[in-house]
PDB file of all heavy atoms in Angstrom:
ATOM      1  N   MET A   1     177.319  -0.649 172.984  1.00  0.00           N
ATOM      2  CA  MET A   1     177.583  -1.977 173.541  1.00  0.00           C
ATOM      3  C   MET A   1     179.048  -2.091 173.951  1.00  0.00           C
ATOM      4  O   MET A   1     179.950  -1.711 173.215  1.00  0.00           O
ATOM      5  CB  MET A   1     177.260  -3.056 172.500  1.00  0.00           C
ATOM      6  CG  MET A   1     175.793  -3.142 172.140  1.00  0.00           C
ATOM      7  SD  MET A   1     174.813  -3.804 173.513  1.00  0.00           S
ATOM      8  CE  MET A   1     175.439  -5.487 173.581  1.00  0.00           C
ATOM      9  N   ALA A   2     179.271  -2.613 175.143  1.00  0.00           N
ATOM     10  CA  ALA A   2     180.639  -2.834 175.599  1.00  0.00           C
ATOM     11  C   ALA A   2     181.266  -3.947 174.762  1.00  0.00           C
ATOM     12  O   ALA A   2     180.599  -4.919 174.383  1.00  0.00           O
ATOM     13  CB  ALA A   2     180.650  -3.225 177.064  1.00  0.00           C
ATOM     14  N   PRO A   3     182.563  -3.861 174.468  1.00  0.00           N
ATOM     15  CA  PRO A   3     183.237  -4.861 173.638  1.00  0.00           C
ATOM     16  C   PRO A   3     183.703  -6.080 174.422  1.00  0.00           C
ATOM     17  O   PRO A   3     184.516  -6.865 173.923  1.00  0.00           O
ATOM     18  CB  PRO A   3     184.432  -4.072 173.082  1.00  0.00           C
ATOM     19  CG  PRO A   3     184.741  -3.095 174.160  1.00  0.00           C
ATOM     20  CD  PRO A   3     183.419  -2.710 174.769  1.00  0.00           C
ATOM     21  N   PHE A   4     183.221  -6.241 175.634  1.00  0.00           N
ATOM     22  CA  PHE A   4     183.584  -7.392 176.470  1.00  0.00           C
ATOM     23  C   PHE A   4     182.324  -7.851 177.202  1.00  0.00           C
ATOM     24  O   PHE A   4     181.247  -7.243 177.064  1.00  0.00           O
ATOM     25  CB  PHE A   4     184.701  -7.023 177.454  1.00  0.00           C
ATOM     26  CG  PHE A   4     184.364  -5.843 178.327  1.00  0.00           C
ATOM     27  CD1 PHE A   4     183.690  -6.013 179.531  1.00  0.00           C
ATOM     28  CD2 PHE A   4     184.686  -4.557 177.935  1.00  0.00           C
ATOM     29  CE1 PHE A   4     183.362  -4.930 180.332  1.00  0.00           C
ATOM     30  CE2 PHE A   4     184.367  -3.457 178.724  1.00  0.00           C
ATOM     31  CZ  PHE A   4     183.700  -3.648 179.923  1.00  0.00           C
ATOM     32  N   ASP A   5     182.444  -8.901 177.977  1.00  0.00           N
ATOM     33  CA  ASP A   5     181.302  -9.491 178.659  1.00  0.00           C
ATOM     34  C   ASP A   5     181.001  -8.723 179.954  1.00  0.00           C
ATOM     35  O   ASP A   5     181.619  -8.974 180.997  1.00  0.00           O
ATOM     36  CB  ASP A   5     181.610 -10.965 178.964  1.00  0.00           C
ATOM     37  CG  ASP A   5     180.394 -11.732 179.455  1.00  0.00           C
ATOM     38  OD1 ASP A   5     179.441 -11.095 179.946  1.00  0.00           O
ATOM     39  OD2 ASP A   5     180.407 -12.977 179.369  1.00  0.00           O
ATOM     40  N   LEU A   6     180.055  -7.796 179.888  1.00  0.00           N
ATOM     41  CA  LEU A   6     179.710  -6.988 181.054  1.00  0.00           C
ATOM     42  C   LEU A   6     179.129  -7.827 182.187  1.00  0.00           C
ATOM     43  O   LEU A   6     179.394  -7.563 183.366  1.00  0.00           O
ATOM     44  CB  LEU A   6     178.717  -5.894 180.663  1.00  0.00           C
ATOM     45  CG  LEU A   6     179.302  -4.544 180.230  1.00  0.00           C
ATOM     46  CD1 LEU A   6     178.207  -3.660 179.675  1.00  0.00           C
ATOM     47  CD2 LEU A   6     179.998  -3.862 181.402  1.00  0.00           C
ATOM     48  N   GLU A   7     178.348  -8.829 181.844  1.00  0.00           N
ATOM     49  CA  GLU A   7     177.771  -9.680 182.885  1.00  0.00           C
ATOM     50  C   GLU A   7     178.866 -10.413 183.650  1.00  0.00           C
ATOM     51  O   GLU A   7     178.791 -10.557 184.876  1.00  0.00           O
ATOM     52  CB  GLU A   7     176.788 -10.681 182.268  1.00  0.00           C
ATOM     53  CG  GLU A   7     175.508 -10.045 181.735  1.00  0.00           C
ATOM     54  CD  GLU A   7     174.527 -11.086 181.247  1.00  0.00           C
ATOM     55  OE1 GLU A   7     174.830 -12.296 181.375  1.00  0.00           O
ATOM     56  OE2 GLU A   7     173.464 -10.705 180.733  1.00  0.00           O
ATOM     57  N   LYS A   8     179.878 -10.860 182.921  1.00  0.00           N
ATOM     58  CA  LYS A   8     180.992 -11.540 183.580  1.00  0.00           C
ATOM     59  C   LYS A   8     181.735 -10.576 184.490  1.00  0.00           C
ATOM     60  O   LYS A   8     182.114 -10.931 185.615  1.00  0.00           O
ATOM     61  CB  LYS A   8     181.941 -12.133 182.536  1.00  0.00           C
ATOM     62  CG  LYS A   8     183.114 -12.896 183.141  1.00  0.00           C
ATOM     63  CD  LYS A   8     183.973 -13.523 182.051  1.00  0.00           C
ATOM     64  CE  LYS A   8     185.141 -14.305 182.657  1.00  0.00           C
ATOM     65  NZ  LYS A   8     185.987 -14.925 181.602  1.00  0.00           N
ATOM     66  N   LEU A   9     181.947  -9.343 184.032  1.00  0.00           N
ATOM     67  CA  LEU A   9     182.625  -8.351 184.860  1.00  0.00           C
ATOM     68  C   LEU A   9     181.828  -8.084 186.127  1.00  0.00           C
ATOM     69  O   LEU A   9     182.395  -8.044 187.236  1.00  0.00           O
ATOM     70  CB  LEU A   9     182.825  -7.049 184.081  1.00  0.00           C
ATOM     71  CG  LEU A   9     183.446  -5.894 184.882  1.00  0.00           C
ATOM     72  CD1 LEU A   9     184.811  -6.277 185.436  1.00  0.00           C
ATOM     73  CD2 LEU A   9     183.535  -4.641 184.022  1.00  0.00           C
ATOM     74  N   ASP A  10     180.511  -7.907 186.002  1.00  0.00           N
ATOM     75  CA  ASP A  10     179.675  -7.670 187.186  1.00  0.00           C
ATOM     76  C   ASP A  10     179.771  -8.854 188.150  1.00  0.00           C
ATOM     77  O   ASP A  10     179.833  -8.659 189.376  1.00  0.00           O
ATOM     78  CB  ASP A  10     178.226  -7.456 186.772  1.00  0.00           C
ATOM     79  CG  ASP A  10     177.970  -6.052 186.238  1.00  0.00           C
ATOM     80  OD1 ASP A  10     178.837  -5.177 186.438  1.00  0.00           O
ATOM     81  OD2 ASP A  10     176.920  -5.837 185.608  1.00  0.00           O
ATOM     82  N   ARG A  11     179.762 -10.058 187.605  1.00  0.00           N
ATOM     83  CA  ARG A  11     179.830 -11.251 188.459  1.00  0.00           C
ATOM     84  C   ARG A  11     181.171 -11.318 189.202  1.00  0.00           C
ATOM     85  O   ARG A  11     181.219 -11.593 190.403  1.00  0.00           O
ATOM     86  CB  ARG A  11     179.646 -12.504 187.595  1.00  0.00           C
ATOM     87  CG  ARG A  11     179.605 -13.793 188.385  1.00  0.00           C
ATOM     88  CD  ARG A  11     179.200 -14.963 187.504  1.00  0.00           C
ATOM     89  NE  ARG A  11     180.190 -15.274 186.484  1.00  0.00           N
ATOM     90  CZ  ARG A  11     180.039 -15.015 185.191  1.00  0.00           C
ATOM     91  NH1 ARG A  11     178.934 -14.406 184.763  1.00  0.00           N
ATOM     92  NH2 ARG A  11     180.974 -15.346 184.316  1.00  0.00           N
ATOM     93  N   LEU A  12     182.258 -11.026 188.481  1.00  0.00           N
ATOM     94  CA  LEU A  12     183.583 -11.049 189.107  1.00  0.00           C
ATOM     95  C   LEU A  12     183.697  -9.952 190.165  1.00  0.00           C
ATOM     96  O   LEU A  12     184.288 -10.168 191.235  1.00  0.00           O
ATOM     97  CB  LEU A  12     184.656 -10.865 188.041  1.00  0.00           C
ATOM     98  CG  LEU A  12     184.835 -12.012 187.045  1.00  0.00           C
ATOM     99  CD1 LEU A  12     185.803 -11.620 185.930  1.00  0.00           C
ATOM    100  CD2 LEU A  12     185.341 -13.271 187.756  1.00  0.00           C
ATOM    101  N   MET A  13     183.118  -8.786 189.891  1.00  0.00           N
ATOM    102  CA  MET A  13     183.168  -7.694 190.868  1.00  0.00           C
ATOM    103  C   MET A  13     182.342  -8.030 192.106  1.00  0.00           C
ATOM    104  O   MET A  13     182.749  -7.727 193.235  1.00  0.00           O
ATOM    105  CB  MET A  13     182.675  -6.397 190.224  1.00  0.00           C
ATOM    106  CG  MET A  13     183.621  -5.833 189.168  1.00  0.00           C
ATOM    107  SD  MET A  13     182.981  -4.345 188.334  1.00  0.00           S
ATOM    108  CE  MET A  13     183.016  -3.157 189.683  1.00  0.00           C
ATOM    109  N   ALA A  14     181.198  -8.665 191.891  1.00  0.00           N
ATOM    110  CA  ALA A  14     180.365  -9.057 193.038  1.00  0.00           C
ATOM    111  C   ALA A  14     181.099 -10.075 193.904  1.00  0.00           C
ATOM    112  O   ALA A  14     181.078  -9.989 195.140  1.00  0.00           O
ATOM    113  CB  ALA A  14     179.039  -9.627 192.537  1.00  0.00           C
ATOM    114  N   GLU A  15     181.751 -11.055 193.268  1.00  0.00           N
ATOM    115  CA  GLU A  15     182.505 -12.059 194.016  1.00  0.00           C
ATOM    116  C   GLU A  15     183.624 -11.424 194.833  1.00  0.00           C
ATOM    117  O   GLU A  15     183.945 -11.879 195.936  1.00  0.00           O
ATOM    118  CB  GLU A  15     183.093 -13.093 193.057  1.00  0.00           C
ATOM    119  CG  GLU A  15     182.060 -13.985 192.386  1.00  0.00           C
ATOM    120  CD  GLU A  15     182.673 -14.872 191.313  1.00  0.00           C
ATOM    121  OE1 GLU A  15     183.905 -14.787 191.094  1.00  0.00           O
ATOM    122  OE2 GLU A  15     181.920 -15.646 190.687  1.00  0.00           O
ATOM    123  N   ALA A  16     184.229 -10.359 194.280  1.00  0.00           N
ATOM    124  CA  ALA A  16     185.327  -9.681 194.962  1.00  0.00           C
ATOM    125  C   ALA A  16     184.849  -8.582 195.899  1.00  0.00           C
ATOM    126  O   ALA A  16     185.657  -7.968 196.605  1.00  0.00           O
ATOM    127  CB  ALA A  16     186.291  -9.088 193.927  1.00  0.00           C
ATOM    128  N   GLY A  17     183.528  -8.316 195.908  1.00  0.00           N
ATOM    129  CA  GLY A  17     182.987  -7.278 196.765  1.00  0.00           C
ATOM    130  C   GLY A  17     183.367  -5.874 196.332  1.00  0.00           C
ATOM    131  O   GLY A  17     183.510  -4.973 197.163  1.00  0.00           O
ATOM    132  N   LEU A  18     183.509  -5.655 195.028  1.00  0.00           N
ATOM    133  CA  LEU A  18     183.917  -4.353 194.505  1.00  0.00           C
ATOM    134  C   LEU A  18     182.727  -3.581 193.950  1.00  0.00           C
ATOM    135  O   LEU A  18     181.847  -4.159 193.298  1.00  0.00           O
ATOM    136  CB  LEU A  18     184.965  -4.527 193.403  1.00  0.00           C
ATOM    137  CG  LEU A  18     186.292  -5.184 193.804  1.00  0.00           C
ATOM    138  CD1 LEU A  18     187.215  -5.297 192.589  1.00  0.00           C
ATOM    139  CD2 LEU A  18     186.974  -4.403 194.921  1.00  0.00           C
ATOM    140  N   ASP A  19     182.728  -2.288 194.190  1.00  0.00           N
ATOM    141  CA  ASP A  19     181.690  -1.410 193.649  1.00  0.00           C
ATOM    142  C   ASP A  19     182.146  -0.726 192.359  1.00  0.00           C
ATOM    143  O   ASP A  19     181.319  -0.283 191.561  1.00  0.00           O
ATOM    144  CB  ASP A  19     181.337  -0.326 194.668  1.00  0.00           C
ATOM    145  CG  ASP A  19     180.915  -0.904 196.001  1.00  0.00           C
ATOM    146  OD1 ASP A  19     179.928  -1.658 196.029  1.00  0.00           O
ATOM    147  OD2 ASP A  19     181.592  -0.615 197.006  1.00  0.00           O
ATOM    148  N   LEU A  20     183.456  -0.624 192.180  1.00  0.00           N
ATOM    149  CA  LEU A  20     184.009   0.121 191.053  1.00  0.00           C
ATOM    150  C   LEU A  20     185.379  -0.442 190.721  1.00  0.00           C
ATOM    151  O   LEU A  20     186.136  -0.814 191.624  1.00  0.00           O
ATOM    152  CB  LEU A  20     184.150   1.604 191.434  1.00  0.00           C
ATOM    153  CG  LEU A  20     184.911   2.534 190.482  1.00  0.00           C
ATOM    154  CD1 LEU A  20     184.109   2.749 189.199  1.00  0.00           C
ATOM    155  CD2 LEU A  20     185.198   3.875 191.158  1.00  0.00           C
ATOM    156  N   VAL A  21     185.686  -0.513 189.436  1.00  0.00           N
ATOM    157  CA  VAL A  21     187.019  -0.894 188.985  1.00  0.00           C
ATOM    158  C   VAL A  21     187.644   0.275 188.245  1.00  0.00           C
ATOM    159  O   VAL A  21     186.993   0.901 187.399  1.00  0.00           O
ATOM    160  CB  VAL A  21     186.971  -2.131 188.059  1.00  0.00           C
ATOM    161  CG1 VAL A  21     188.291  -2.293 187.304  1.00  0.00           C
ATOM    162  CG2 VAL A  21     186.717  -3.394 188.873  1.00  0.00           C
ATOM    163  N   LEU A  22     188.896   0.578 188.574  1.00  0.00           N
ATOM    164  CA  LEU A  22     189.666   1.599 187.869  1.00  0.00           C
ATOM    165  C   LEU A  22     190.834   0.911 187.170  1.00  0.00           C
ATOM    166  O   LEU A  22     191.736   0.387 187.829  1.00  0.00           O
ATOM    167  CB  LEU A  22     190.193   2.664 188.847  1.00  0.00           C
ATOM    168  CG  LEU A  22     189.168   3.494 189.606  1.00  0.00           C
ATOM    169  CD1 LEU A  22     189.881   4.473 190.540  1.00  0.00           C
ATOM    170  CD2 LEU A  22     188.252   4.251 188.651  1.00  0.00           C
ATOM    171  N   ALA A  23     190.811   0.899 185.843  1.00  0.00           N
ATOM    172  CA  ALA A  23     191.891   0.289 185.068  1.00  0.00           C
ATOM    173  C   ALA A  23     192.872   1.370 184.627  1.00  0.00           C
ATOM    174  O   ALA A  23     192.452   2.428 184.131  1.00  0.00           O
ATOM    175  CB  ALA A  23     191.334  -0.439 183.849  1.00  0.00           C
ATOM    176  N   THR A  24     194.153   1.101 184.790  1.00  0.00           N
ATOM    177  CA  THR A  24     195.183   2.082 184.447  1.00  0.00           C
ATOM    178  C   THR A  24     196.312   1.512 183.595  1.00  0.00           C
ATOM    179  O   THR A  24     197.140   2.271 183.099  1.00  0.00           O
ATOM    180  CB  THR A  24     195.804   2.666 185.728  1.00  0.00           C
ATOM    181  OG1 THR A  24     196.215   1.586 186.591  1.00  0.00           O
ATOM    182  CG2 THR A  24     194.800   3.534 186.475  1.00  0.00           C
ATOM    183  N   SER A  25     196.373   0.198 183.410  1.00  0.00           N
ATOM    184  CA  SER A  25     197.434  -0.394 182.588  1.00  0.00           C
ATOM    185  C   SER A  25     197.111  -0.226 181.112  1.00  0.00           C
ATOM    186  O   SER A  25     195.943  -0.139 180.720  1.00  0.00           O
ATOM    187  CB  SER A  25     197.593  -1.881 182.905  1.00  0.00           C
ATOM    188  OG  SER A  25     196.426  -2.600 182.511  1.00  0.00           O
ATOM    189  N   ARG A  26     198.145  -0.224 180.288  1.00  0.00           N
ATOM    190  CA  ARG A  26     197.943  -0.082 178.850  1.00  0.00           C
ATOM    191  C   ARG A  26     197.063  -1.204 178.311  1.00  0.00           C
ATOM    192  O   ARG A  26     196.150  -0.964 177.512  1.00  0.00           O
ATOM    193  CB  ARG A  26     199.302  -0.068 178.140  1.00  0.00           C
ATOM    194  CG  ARG A  26     199.203  -0.004 176.630  1.00  0.00           C
ATOM    195  CD  ARG A  26     200.495   0.445 176.002  1.00  0.00           C
ATOM    196  NE  ARG A  26     201.677  -0.042 176.702  1.00  0.00           N
ATOM    197  CZ  ARG A  26     202.889   0.503 176.590  1.00  0.00           C
ATOM    198  NH1 ARG A  26     203.064   1.545 175.808  1.00  0.00           N
ATOM    199  NH2 ARG A  26     203.917   0.012 177.238  1.00  0.00           N
ATOM    200  N   HIS A  27     197.325  -2.452 178.744  1.00  0.00           N
ATOM    201  CA  HIS A  27     196.574  -3.577 178.175  1.00  0.00           C
ATOM    202  C   HIS A  27     195.110  -3.574 178.619  1.00  0.00           C
ATOM    203  O   HIS A  27     194.213  -3.853 177.818  1.00  0.00           O
ATOM    204  CB  HIS A  27     197.244  -4.918 178.503  1.00  0.00           C
ATOM    205  CG  HIS A  27     197.514  -5.139 179.955  1.00  0.00           C
ATOM    206  ND1 HIS A  27     198.633  -4.653 180.580  1.00  0.00           N
ATOM    207  CD2 HIS A  27     196.820  -5.814 180.910  1.00  0.00           C
ATOM    208  CE1 HIS A  27     198.626  -5.020 181.849  1.00  0.00           C
ATOM    209  NE2 HIS A  27     197.527  -5.709 182.078  1.00  0.00           N
ATOM    210  N   ASN A  28     194.840  -3.234 179.872  1.00  0.00           N
ATOM    211  CA  ASN A  28     193.445  -3.252 180.309  1.00  0.00           C
ATOM    212  C   ASN A  28     192.662  -2.037 179.831  1.00  0.00           C
ATOM    213  O   ASN A  28     191.463  -2.129 179.570  1.00  0.00           O
ATOM    214  CB  ASN A  28     193.373  -3.386 181.833  1.00  0.00           C
ATOM    215  CG  ASN A  28     193.533  -4.830 182.272  1.00  0.00           C
ATOM    216  OD1 ASN A  28     193.044  -5.742 181.623  1.00  0.00           O
ATOM    217  ND2 ASN A  28     194.238  -5.040 183.375  1.00  0.00           N
ATOM    218  N   VAL A  29     193.306  -0.877 179.714  1.00  0.00           N
ATOM    219  CA  VAL A  29     192.632   0.275 179.118  1.00  0.00           C
ATOM    220  C   VAL A  29     192.242  -0.061 177.681  1.00  0.00           C
ATOM    221  O   VAL A  29     191.122   0.210 177.228  1.00  0.00           O
ATOM    222  CB  VAL A  29     193.534   1.526 179.173  1.00  0.00           C
ATOM    223  CG1 VAL A  29     192.982   2.630 178.268  1.00  0.00           C
ATOM    224  CG2 VAL A  29     193.649   2.027 180.606  1.00  0.00           C
ATOM    225  N   ARG A  30     193.182  -0.670 176.969  1.00  0.00           N
ATOM    226  CA  ARG A  30     192.904  -1.039 175.574  1.00  0.00           C
ATOM    227  C   ARG A  30     191.778  -2.068 175.505  1.00  0.00           C
ATOM    228  O   ARG A  30     190.906  -2.001 174.633  1.00  0.00           O
ATOM    229  CB  ARG A  30     194.185  -1.597 174.947  1.00  0.00           C
ATOM    230  CG  ARG A  30     194.167  -1.601 173.439  1.00  0.00           C
ATOM    231  CD  ARG A  30     195.567  -1.697 172.875  1.00  0.00           C
ATOM    232  NE  ARG A  30     195.573  -1.348 171.469  1.00  0.00           N
ATOM    233  CZ  ARG A  30     196.673  -1.130 170.763  1.00  0.00           C
ATOM    234  NH1 ARG A  30     197.859  -1.201 171.336  1.00  0.00           N
ATOM    235  NH2 ARG A  30     196.601  -0.828 169.487  1.00  0.00           N
ATOM    236  N   TYR A  31     191.792  -3.013 176.418  1.00  0.00           N
ATOM    237  CA  TYR A  31     190.766  -4.057 176.415  1.00  0.00           C
ATOM    238  C   TYR A  31     189.390  -3.488 176.735  1.00  0.00           C
ATOM    239  O   TYR A  31     188.410  -3.761 176.031  1.00  0.00           O
ATOM    240  CB  TYR A  31     191.132  -5.126 177.444  1.00  0.00           C
ATOM    241  CG  TYR A  31     190.140  -6.262 177.514  1.00  0.00           C
ATOM    242  CD1 TYR A  31     190.146  -7.272 176.559  1.00  0.00           C
ATOM    243  CD2 TYR A  31     189.181  -6.313 178.524  1.00  0.00           C
ATOM    244  CE1 TYR A  31     189.230  -8.311 176.612  1.00  0.00           C
ATOM    245  CE2 TYR A  31     188.259  -7.341 178.581  1.00  0.00           C
ATOM    246  CZ  TYR A  31     188.290  -8.336 177.620  1.00  0.00           C
ATOM    247  OH  TYR A  31     187.371  -9.351 177.664  1.00  0.00           O
TER     248      TYR A  31
END
């Protein structure tokens, strides 16, 4: 299970028209 709200992430990505997110910052990698 992901430790965050996957449905919310999918919704935000759909609104932004994104197919993939690449996180590289220390805080977002940790999150």
